[in-house]
Amino acid sequence: MDVGDRIPDVLGIDQNGKEIRAGDFAGKKLILYSYPKANTSGCTAEACSLQSHKQELEAAGYSIVGVSKDKMEIQKKFADKQGLDFPLIADTETTLLQKLGCWGEKVACGRRTIGILRTTYLVSEQGIIEKVFQPKEIKTKIHAEQILKWINER
């Protein structure tokens, strides 16, 4: 998906077993981000960056939702361990990841694999994608600052 596209209505089931829908965020902006694997260094850094700047992001009108292929139990442990208080979708079938276009071929250490492409979508109050941070743009340790910079420069 790209700028101007509407995100799917059904996003998936979060770490607490709750169905998350785009409509849950009607009238709010959304940071919808995909990450390869819970409890890995980069994914932990990214999630913690977003959590530590959550108040600033909320003040700018944004809610946060993460998505990975991890099972619900793993997402729950990740959220509890890192003190994350936003939904983490357990997209074990990669349904949402494929719709978003962040499931595909990637190269790591010279090896080609199929998996999650770390991507962040900033979504308007109407559910329309306004900005896409591509995998090579995202700096996990300061990702929230990257988002805030983009918001403040608009």
Protein backbone atom coordinates (compact mmCIF):
# COMPACT_ATOMS: atom_id res chain seq x y z
CA MET A 1 0.00 0.00 0.00
CA ASP A 2 1.10 3.53 -0.65
CA VAL A 3 0.22 7.13 0.09
CA GLY A 4 -3.44 7.74 -0.77
CA ASP A 5 -4.56 4.13 -0.18
CA ARG A 6 -7.13 3.24 2.48
CA ILE A 7 -5.98 0.72 5.08
CA PRO A 8 -8.04 -2.49 5.46
CA ASP A 9 -10.93 -2.33 7.92
CA VAL A 10 -10.02 -5.52 9.78
CA LEU A 11 -6.47 -5.24 11.06
CA GLY A 12 -6.36 -8.41 13.16
CA ILE A 13 -6.25 -9.81 16.69
CA ASP A 14 -3.96 -8.17 19.24
CA GLN A 15 -1.90 -9.61 22.09
CA ASN A 16 -4.96 -9.57 24.37
CA GLY A 17 -7.23 -11.43 21.94
CA LYS A 18 -9.11 -8.27 20.93
CA GLU A 19 -10.07 -7.69 17.30
CA ILE A 20 -8.56 -4.43 16.08
CA ARG A 21 -10.30 -2.59 13.26
CA ALA A 22 -9.47 0.61 11.40
CA GLY A 23 -12.86 1.90 12.57
CA ASP A 24 -11.61 1.74 16.17
CA PHE A 25 -9.46 4.75 15.27
CA ALA A 26 -12.11 6.78 13.42
CA GLY A 27 -11.37 10.46 13.99
CA LYS A 28 -7.83 9.65 15.14
CA LYS A 29 -4.58 9.34 13.26
CA LEU A 30 -2.73 6.06 13.35
CA ILE A 31 0.85 4.85 13.30
CA LEU A 32 0.61 1.33 11.88
CA TYR A 33 4.02 -0.31 11.88
CA SER A 34 5.24 -3.77 10.91
CA TYR A 35 8.24 -5.39 12.53
CA PRO A 36 9.95 -8.71 11.79
CA LYS A 37 10.09 -10.44 15.18
CA ALA A 38 9.21 -9.63 18.79
CA ASN A 39 12.05 -9.64 21.33
CA THR A 40 14.81 -9.09 18.78
CA SER A 41 17.13 -6.13 19.27
CA GLY A 42 15.89 -3.95 16.39
CA CYS A 43 12.22 -4.65 17.00
CA THR A 44 12.61 -4.01 20.72
CA ALA A 45 14.44 -0.72 20.05
CA GLU A 46 11.71 0.39 17.66
CA ALA A 47 8.84 -0.54 20.00
CA CYS A 48 10.55 1.12 22.97
CA SER A 49 11.19 4.27 20.92
CA LEU A 50 7.48 4.49 20.11
CA GLN A 51 6.46 3.72 23.71
CA SER A 52 8.82 6.30 25.19
CA HIS A 53 7.42 9.01 22.87
CA LYS A 54 3.82 7.83 23.08
CA GLN A 55 2.60 10.95 24.89
CA GLU A 56 4.09 13.24 22.24
CA LEU A 57 2.65 11.09 19.45
CA GLU A 58 -0.77 11.08 21.13
CA ALA A 59 -0.56 14.87 21.60
CA ALA A 60 -0.12 15.04 17.81
CA GLY A 61 -3.31 12.96 17.49
CA TYR A 62 -1.79 9.53 16.79
CA SER A 63 -2.52 6.08 18.18
CA ILE A 64 0.02 3.27 17.70
CA VAL A 65 -0.55 -0.28 16.44
CA GLY A 66 2.23 -2.79 15.72
CA VAL A 67 1.95 -5.92 13.61
CA SER A 68 4.17 -8.96 13.12
CA LYS A 69 3.79 -12.65 12.33
CA ASP A 70 4.40 -13.59 15.97
CA LYS A 71 1.73 -15.59 17.81
CA MET A 72 -0.56 -13.82 20.28
CA GLU A 73 1.27 -15.32 23.29
CA ILE A 74 4.62 -14.04 22.03
CA GLN A 75 3.16 -10.58 21.37
CA LYS A 76 1.73 -10.56 24.91
CA LYS A 77 5.08 -11.51 26.49
CA PHE A 78 6.84 -8.88 24.36
CA ALA A 79 4.34 -6.17 25.37
CA ASP A 80 4.52 -7.13 29.05
CA LYS A 81 8.32 -7.37 29.12
CA GLN A 82 8.84 -4.02 27.37
CA GLY A 83 5.91 -2.18 29.02
CA LEU A 84 4.15 -1.56 25.70
CA ASP A 85 0.61 -0.32 26.15
CA PHE A 86 -0.55 -0.31 22.55
CA PRO A 87 -1.98 -3.13 20.41
CA LEU A 88 0.40 -5.63 18.79
CA ILE A 89 -1.40 -7.60 16.11
CA ALA A 90 -0.56 -11.30 15.83
CA ASP A 91 -0.82 -11.74 12.04
CA THR A 92 0.27 -15.38 11.99
CA GLU A 93 -1.28 -15.95 8.54
CA THR A 94 0.32 -12.72 7.17
CA THR A 95 -3.10 -11.53 5.92
CA LEU A 96 -2.65 -7.89 6.94
CA LEU A 97 1.07 -7.88 6.19
CA GLN A 98 0.38 -9.00 2.62
CA LYS A 99 -2.44 -6.46 2.15
CA LEU A 100 -0.15 -3.69 3.37
CA GLY A 101 2.62 -4.85 1.06
CA CYS A 102 5.18 -5.35 3.81
CA TRP A 103 5.53 -9.10 3.32
CA GLY A 104 8.02 -10.06 0.67
CA GLU A 105 11.57 -10.83 -0.36
CA LYS A 106 14.40 -9.31 1.61
CA VAL A 107 18.14 -9.79 1.79
CA ALA A 108 19.87 -10.26 5.14
CA CYS A 109 23.58 -11.08 5.34
CA GLY A 110 23.60 -11.85 1.63
CA ARG A 111 20.76 -14.38 1.98
CA ARG A 112 17.41 -13.93 0.24
CA THR A 113 14.39 -14.77 2.36
CA ILE A 114 10.67 -14.07 2.43
CA GLY A 115 9.47 -12.19 5.48
CA ILE A 116 8.30 -8.96 7.03
CA LEU A 117 9.67 -5.75 5.60
CA ARG A 118 9.94 -3.27 8.48
CA THR A 119 7.56 -0.49 7.37
CA THR A 120 5.59 2.29 9.06
CA TYR A 121 2.37 3.79 7.75
CA LEU A 122 1.04 7.10 9.05
CA VAL A 123 -2.71 7.06 8.53
CA SER A 124 -5.17 9.97 8.53
CA GLU A 125 -8.36 10.23 10.58
CA GLN A 126 -10.18 8.90 7.50
CA GLY A 127 -8.02 5.75 7.25
CA ILE A 128 -5.95 7.02 4.31
CA ILE A 129 -2.17 6.49 4.26
CA GLU A 130 -0.39 9.86 4.38
CA LYS A 131 3.22 8.73 4.75
CA VAL A 132 5.14 5.48 4.36
CA PHE A 133 8.49 4.96 6.04
CA GLN A 134 10.25 2.30 3.96
CA PRO A 135 12.55 -0.33 5.52
CA LYS A 136 15.81 1.44 4.62
CA GLU A 137 14.56 4.75 6.08
CA ILE A 138 13.70 3.41 9.54
CA LYS A 139 16.26 3.84 12.30
CA THR A 140 14.83 1.64 15.04
CA LYS A 141 16.40 3.39 18.05
CA ILE A 142 15.05 6.80 17.02
CA HIS A 143 12.01 5.88 14.95
CA ALA A 144 9.56 7.88 17.06
CA GLU A 145 11.76 10.96 16.56
CA GLN A 146 11.71 10.32 12.80
CA ILE A 147 7.90 10.26 12.89
CA LEU A 148 7.68 13.38 15.07
CA LYS A 149 10.07 15.21 12.74
CA TRP A 150 7.85 14.38 9.76
CA ILE A 151 4.71 15.47 11.67
CA ASN A 152 6.31 18.76 12.74
CA GLU A 153 7.58 19.55 9.24
CA ARG A 154 4.15 19.22 7.64
